[in-house]
N, C-alpha and C. Protein backbone atom coordinates (compact mmCIF):
# COMPACT_ATOMS: atom_id res chain seq x y z
N MET A 1 0.89 -1.19 0.06
CA MET A 1 0.06 0.02 -0.07
C MET A 1 0.85 1.34 0.05
N SER A 2 0.40 2.32 -0.59
CA SER A 2 1.30 3.58 -0.61
C SER A 2 1.29 4.20 0.52
N GLN A 3 2.14 5.16 0.61
CA GLN A 3 2.03 6.19 1.72
C GLN A 3 1.01 7.16 1.74
N ARG A 4 0.19 7.15 0.77
CA ARG A 4 -0.86 8.11 0.80
C ARG A 4 -2.08 7.63 1.50
N LYS A 5 -2.72 8.55 2.19
CA LYS A 5 -3.68 8.34 3.08
C LYS A 5 -5.17 8.99 2.43
N ARG A 6 -6.15 8.21 2.79
CA ARG A 6 -7.44 8.88 2.23
C ARG A 6 -8.33 8.96 3.42
N SER A 7 -8.93 10.23 3.58
CA SER A 7 -9.93 10.51 4.54
C SER A 7 -11.12 10.26 3.96
N LYS A 8 -12.38 9.98 4.75
CA LYS A 8 -13.70 9.91 4.34
C LYS A 8 -14.06 11.39 3.67
N GLY A 9 -14.72 11.39 2.50
CA GLY A 9 -15.09 12.58 1.99
C GLY A 9 -13.96 13.38 1.14
N LEU A 10 -12.70 12.86 1.09
CA LEU A 10 -11.85 13.64 0.42
C LEU A 10 -11.52 13.33 -1.01
N SER A 11 -11.61 13.99 -1.99
CA SER A 11 -11.48 13.47 -3.26
C SER A 11 -9.85 13.25 -3.51
N SER A 12 -9.52 12.54 -4.62
CA SER A 12 -8.18 12.12 -4.94
C SER A 12 -7.08 13.16 -5.01
N SER A 13 -7.64 14.58 -5.36
CA SER A 13 -6.94 15.79 -5.27
C SER A 13 -6.49 16.11 -3.86
N GLN A 14 -7.35 15.82 -2.92
CA GLN A 14 -7.01 16.32 -1.53
C GLN A 14 -6.55 15.23 -0.65
N MET A 15 -6.03 14.19 -1.32
CA MET A 15 -5.08 13.28 -0.57
C MET A 15 -3.91 13.81 -0.06
N THR A 16 -3.30 13.23 1.19
CA THR A 16 -2.03 13.83 1.53
C THR A 16 -0.97 12.60 1.63
N ASP A 17 0.16 13.28 1.32
CA ASP A 17 1.40 12.15 1.54
C ASP A 17 1.69 12.22 2.69
N GLY A 18 2.26 11.02 3.39
CA GLY A 18 2.85 10.85 4.70
C GLY A 18 3.74 12.04 5.16
N GLU A 19 4.61 12.68 4.24
CA GLU A 19 5.36 13.46 4.64
C GLU A 19 4.72 14.93 4.79
N GLU A 20 3.47 15.07 4.26
CA GLU A 20 2.96 16.34 4.68
C GLU A 20 2.13 16.20 5.71
N ASP A 21 2.09 15.19 6.43
CA ASP A 21 1.20 15.04 7.63
C ASP A 21 2.22 15.28 8.83
N CYS A 22 3.56 15.48 8.66
CA CYS A 22 4.42 15.84 9.67
C CYS A 22 4.21 17.14 10.19
N SER A 23 4.57 17.26 11.62
CA SER A 23 4.38 18.81 12.28
C SER A 23 5.61 19.75 11.62
N PRO A 24 5.28 20.89 11.91
CA PRO A 24 6.20 21.77 11.47
C PRO A 24 7.63 21.58 12.27
N SER A 25 7.70 21.25 13.40
CA SER A 25 8.74 20.93 14.27
C SER A 25 9.68 19.77 13.36
N GLN A 26 8.93 18.72 13.02
CA GLN A 26 9.64 17.74 12.08
C GLN A 26 10.36 18.19 10.96
N ARG A 27 9.45 19.02 10.39
CA ARG A 27 9.99 19.69 8.96
C ARG A 27 11.15 20.66 9.41
N ASP A 28 11.36 21.18 10.46
CA ASP A 28 12.39 22.07 10.98
C ASP A 28 13.58 21.10 11.41
N GLN A 29 13.48 19.83 11.45
CA GLN A 29 14.48 19.21 12.40
C GLN A 29 15.93 19.17 11.55
N PRO A 30 15.64 19.07 10.01
CA PRO A 30 17.18 19.13 9.55
C PRO A 30 18.03 20.53 9.80
N PHE A 31 17.02 21.73 9.63
CA PHE A 31 17.78 22.94 10.00
C PHE A 31 18.11 22.91 11.28
N GLN A 32 17.41 22.49 12.36
CA GLN A 32 17.76 22.50 13.76
C GLN A 32 19.13 21.65 13.98
N ASP A 33 19.29 20.42 13.22
CA ASP A 33 20.52 19.59 13.60
C ASP A 33 21.70 20.52 12.82
N GLN A 34 21.48 21.03 11.65
CA GLN A 34 22.55 21.87 10.99
C GLN A 34 23.03 23.04 12.06
N MET A 35 22.02 23.72 12.58
CA MET A 35 22.28 24.67 13.58
C MET A 35 22.88 24.29 14.85
N ASN A 36 22.35 23.02 15.08
CA ASN A 36 23.19 22.38 16.45
C ASN A 36 24.82 22.06 16.11
N GLN A 37 24.84 21.68 14.96
CA GLN A 37 26.27 21.34 14.32
C GLN A 37 27.03 22.50 14.38
N LYS A 38 26.52 23.70 13.66
CA LYS A 38 27.28 24.94 13.54
C LYS A 38 27.74 25.49 15.09
N VAL A 39 26.79 25.34 15.81
CA VAL A 39 26.94 25.75 17.24
C VAL A 39 28.29 24.98 18.07
N SER A 40 28.10 23.86 17.74
CA SER A 40 29.04 22.80 18.27
C SER A 40 30.53 22.96 17.75
N GLU A 41 30.43 23.25 16.50
CA GLU A 41 31.98 23.80 16.04
C GLU A 41 32.45 24.99 16.52
N LEU A 42 31.31 25.97 16.60
CA LEU A 42 32.00 27.36 17.08
C LEU A 42 32.44 27.14 18.47
N VAL A 43 31.66 26.28 19.40
CA VAL A 43 32.22 26.02 20.81
C VAL A 43 33.43 25.46 20.82
N GLN A 44 33.68 24.50 19.95
CA GLN A 44 35.09 23.98 19.79
C GLN A 44 36.09 24.95 19.33
N PHE A 45 35.86 25.80 18.41
CA PHE A 45 36.74 26.80 17.88
C PHE A 45 37.09 27.72 18.95
N LEU A 46 36.07 28.27 19.81
CA LEU A 46 36.30 29.17 20.66
C LEU A 46 36.99 28.54 21.94
N LEU A 47 37.06 27.32 22.34
CA LEU A 47 37.58 26.73 23.41
C LEU A 47 39.15 26.45 22.89
N VAL A 48 39.26 26.14 21.62
CA VAL A 48 40.89 26.01 21.16
C VAL A 48 41.59 27.37 21.15
N LYS A 49 41.01 28.42 20.92
CA LYS A 49 41.36 29.79 20.80
C LYS A 49 41.68 30.26 22.39
N ASP A 50 40.75 29.91 23.12
CA ASP A 50 40.82 30.35 24.60
C ASP A 50 42.08 29.47 25.15
N GLN A 51 42.45 28.15 24.83
CA GLN A 51 43.46 27.38 25.40
C GLN A 51 44.74 27.93 24.91
N LYS A 52 44.74 28.49 23.70
CA LYS A 52 45.99 28.94 23.06
C LYS A 52 46.25 30.46 23.55
N LYS A 53 45.32 31.00 24.17
CA LYS A 53 45.30 32.40 24.69
C LYS A 53 45.26 33.32 23.53
N ILE A 54 44.61 33.16 22.54
CA ILE A 54 44.45 34.06 21.50
C ILE A 54 43.13 34.60 21.28
N PRO A 55 43.19 35.92 21.40
CA PRO A 55 41.94 36.65 21.11
C PRO A 55 41.19 36.22 19.96
N ILE A 56 39.79 36.30 20.20
CA ILE A 56 38.99 35.74 19.20
C ILE A 56 38.39 36.84 18.43
N ARG A 57 38.55 36.93 16.94
CA ARG A 57 37.98 38.01 16.28
C ARG A 57 36.75 37.57 15.67
N ARG A 58 35.77 38.29 15.41
CA ARG A 58 34.56 37.99 14.72
C ARG A 58 34.64 37.57 13.43
N ALA A 59 35.58 38.11 12.65
CA ALA A 59 35.87 37.50 11.35
C ALA A 59 36.13 35.95 11.43
N ASP A 60 36.95 35.63 12.43
CA ASP A 60 37.29 34.30 12.49
C ASP A 60 35.94 33.38 12.81
N MET A 61 35.22 33.90 13.52
CA MET A 61 33.93 33.09 13.99
C MET A 61 33.22 33.15 12.84
N LEU A 62 33.16 33.98 12.10
CA LEU A 62 32.13 34.01 10.70
C LEU A 62 32.90 32.95 9.83
N LYS A 63 33.94 32.80 9.79
CA LYS A 63 34.56 31.87 8.98
C LYS A 63 34.30 30.66 9.54
N THR A 64 34.23 30.24 10.79
CA THR A 64 33.75 28.88 11.38
C THR A 64 32.54 28.69 11.08
N VAL A 65 31.54 29.65 11.38
CA VAL A 65 30.26 29.42 11.12
C VAL A 65 29.96 29.25 9.69
N GLY A 66 30.39 30.12 8.78
CA GLY A 66 30.04 30.11 7.37
C GLY A 66 29.45 31.46 6.94
N GLN A 67 29.81 31.90 5.93
CA GLN A 67 29.23 33.23 5.36
C GLN A 67 28.04 32.94 5.04
N LYS A 68 27.41 32.01 4.58
CA LYS A 68 26.10 31.85 4.15
C LYS A 68 24.98 31.83 5.32
N TYR A 69 25.51 31.81 6.68
CA TYR A 69 24.32 31.69 7.31
C TYR A 69 23.98 33.29 7.85
N LYS A 70 22.69 33.32 7.63
CA LYS A 70 22.08 34.71 7.96
C LYS A 70 21.75 34.82 9.52
N ASN A 71 21.74 33.63 10.21
CA ASN A 71 21.51 33.52 11.53
C ASN A 71 22.64 33.48 12.37
N TYR A 72 23.70 34.24 11.92
CA TYR A 72 25.06 34.19 12.62
C TYR A 72 24.75 34.58 14.03
N THR A 73 24.02 35.55 14.51
CA THR A 73 23.98 36.05 16.03
C THR A 73 23.28 35.13 16.66
N GLU A 74 22.31 34.32 16.32
CA GLU A 74 21.76 33.07 16.86
C GLU A 74 22.59 31.95 17.34
N ILE A 75 23.53 31.77 16.27
CA ILE A 75 24.62 30.72 16.70
C ILE A 75 25.42 31.16 17.73
N VAL A 76 25.90 32.40 17.45
CA VAL A 76 26.81 33.03 18.64
C VAL A 76 26.42 32.98 19.99
N ASN A 77 24.91 33.36 19.92
CA ASN A 77 24.42 33.47 21.03
C ASN A 77 24.13 32.04 21.93
N ARG A 78 23.84 31.03 21.15
CA ARG A 78 23.66 29.65 21.58
C ARG A 78 24.94 29.13 22.16
N ALA A 79 26.04 29.50 21.22
CA ALA A 79 27.42 29.17 21.68
C ALA A 79 27.91 29.78 22.89
N GLY A 80 27.45 30.85 23.24
CA GLY A 80 27.62 31.59 24.36
C GLY A 80 26.97 30.96 25.60
N LYS A 81 25.55 30.58 25.33
CA LYS A 81 24.88 30.00 26.38
C LYS A 81 25.52 28.58 26.59
N THR A 82 25.85 27.81 25.70
CA THR A 82 26.51 26.62 25.97
C THR A 82 27.76 26.59 26.65
N LEU A 83 28.74 27.62 26.24
CA LEU A 83 30.01 27.77 27.11
C LEU A 83 29.58 28.17 28.57
N GLN A 84 28.55 28.98 28.78
CA GLN A 84 28.19 29.33 30.20
C GLN A 84 27.81 28.10 30.83
N GLU A 85 26.77 27.29 30.47
CA GLU A 85 26.27 26.31 31.14
C GLU A 85 27.07 25.24 31.23
N VAL A 86 28.04 24.79 30.06
CA VAL A 86 28.84 23.57 30.37
C VAL A 86 30.02 23.68 30.82
N PHE A 87 30.62 25.10 30.47
CA PHE A 87 32.08 25.07 30.96
C PHE A 87 32.21 26.35 31.91
N GLY A 88 31.36 27.12 32.13
CA GLY A 88 31.38 28.20 33.13
C GLY A 88 32.00 29.35 32.74
N LEU A 89 32.03 29.58 31.23
CA LEU A 89 32.68 30.29 30.65
C LEU A 89 31.83 31.53 30.00
N GLN A 90 32.17 32.65 29.94
CA GLN A 90 31.48 33.66 29.43
C GLN A 90 32.27 34.40 28.24
N LEU A 91 31.45 34.59 26.95
CA LEU A 91 32.07 35.19 25.80
C LEU A 91 31.92 36.65 25.82
N MET A 92 33.12 37.40 26.04
CA MET A 92 32.85 38.91 26.09
C MET A 92 33.60 39.61 25.10
N GLU A 93 33.01 40.67 24.48
CA GLU A 93 33.71 41.52 23.47
C GLU A 93 34.60 42.50 24.26
N ILE A 94 35.83 42.49 23.88
CA ILE A 94 36.90 43.33 24.58
C ILE A 94 37.04 44.53 23.78
N ASP A 95 36.81 44.42 22.48
CA ASP A 95 37.00 45.79 21.62
C ASP A 95 35.94 45.68 20.68
N THR A 96 34.93 46.89 20.83
CA THR A 96 33.86 46.99 20.03
C THR A 96 34.15 47.49 18.64
N LYS A 97 35.39 48.03 18.41
CA LYS A 97 35.66 48.52 16.95
C LYS A 97 36.46 47.37 16.23
N LEU A 98 37.05 46.66 16.91
CA LEU A 98 37.86 45.52 16.24
C LEU A 98 37.03 44.23 16.13
N HIS A 99 36.03 44.20 16.94
CA HIS A 99 35.06 42.94 17.34
C HIS A 99 36.14 42.02 17.75
N THR A 100 36.73 42.04 18.94
CA THR A 100 37.47 41.03 19.44
C THR A 100 36.81 40.50 20.67
N TYR A 101 36.87 39.21 20.86
CA TYR A 101 36.45 38.61 22.02
C TYR A 101 37.22 37.69 22.86
N ILE A 102 37.10 37.63 24.16
CA ILE A 102 37.72 36.49 24.92
C ILE A 102 36.80 35.76 25.84
N LEU A 103 37.18 34.75 26.30
CA LEU A 103 36.42 33.91 27.14
C LEU A 103 36.92 34.05 28.55
N ILE A 104 35.89 34.51 29.58
CA ILE A 104 36.28 34.86 30.90
C ILE A 104 35.69 33.66 31.89
N ASP A 105 36.42 33.30 32.79
CA ASP A 105 35.76 32.06 33.68
C ASP A 105 34.81 32.88 34.62
N ASN A 106 33.67 32.39 34.65
CA ASN A 106 32.44 32.69 35.24
C ASN A 106 32.12 32.14 36.59
N LEU A 107 32.75 31.11 36.87
CA LEU A 107 32.34 30.06 37.92
C LEU A 107 32.80 31.02 39.39
N PRO A 108 31.95 30.80 40.34
CA PRO A 108 32.08 31.47 41.55
C PRO A 108 33.34 30.80 42.10
N ARG A 109 34.12 31.56 42.93
CA ARG A 109 35.50 31.14 43.60
C ARG A 109 35.25 30.30 44.88
N ALA A 110 36.07 29.19 44.89
CA ALA A 110 35.86 28.68 46.09
C ALA A 110 36.48 29.17 47.18
N GLU A 111 35.91 29.14 48.31
CA GLU A 111 36.62 30.01 49.57
C GLU A 111 36.90 29.17 50.84
N GLY A 112 37.59 29.53 51.57
CA GLY A 112 37.76 29.17 52.91
C GLY A 112 38.44 27.84 53.06
N GLU A 113 37.79 26.89 53.76
CA GLU A 113 38.24 25.60 54.34
C GLU A 113 38.45 24.65 53.07
N TYR A 114 37.58 24.81 52.07
CA TYR A 114 37.45 23.82 50.81
C TYR A 114 38.82 23.78 50.29
N LEU A 115 39.53 24.99 50.33
CA LEU A 115 40.71 25.00 49.54
C LEU A 115 41.81 24.28 50.18
N CYS A 116 41.69 24.21 51.74
CA CYS A 116 42.69 23.64 52.46
C CYS A 116 42.90 22.15 52.50
N LYS A 117 41.67 21.25 52.08
CA LYS A 117 41.66 20.02 52.30
C LYS A 117 42.15 19.19 51.15
């Protein structure tokens, strides 16, 4: 039997394919997968730059994400959120004219007796 479904009262021109039955979130899944991949690549790029103590330029981030992405700011925001939640690092712009960024440790400092043990 084919993928087509037929409801009572629908003519053959109103039949729907199984693919059309999927919800909008299922249709957006390839886009979300690609977005998550780009966020992951950017997080890895930022961590490597931070490990080497090299300031991060916006142009370098654009190269990593890809020039064709119009939602560059969303990718950078999601990468910043991931860095904050997973690694306790904050992506901070240090030069607004040159668009240079660094990662700053944002975890609370351990205090007192915990350091001595």
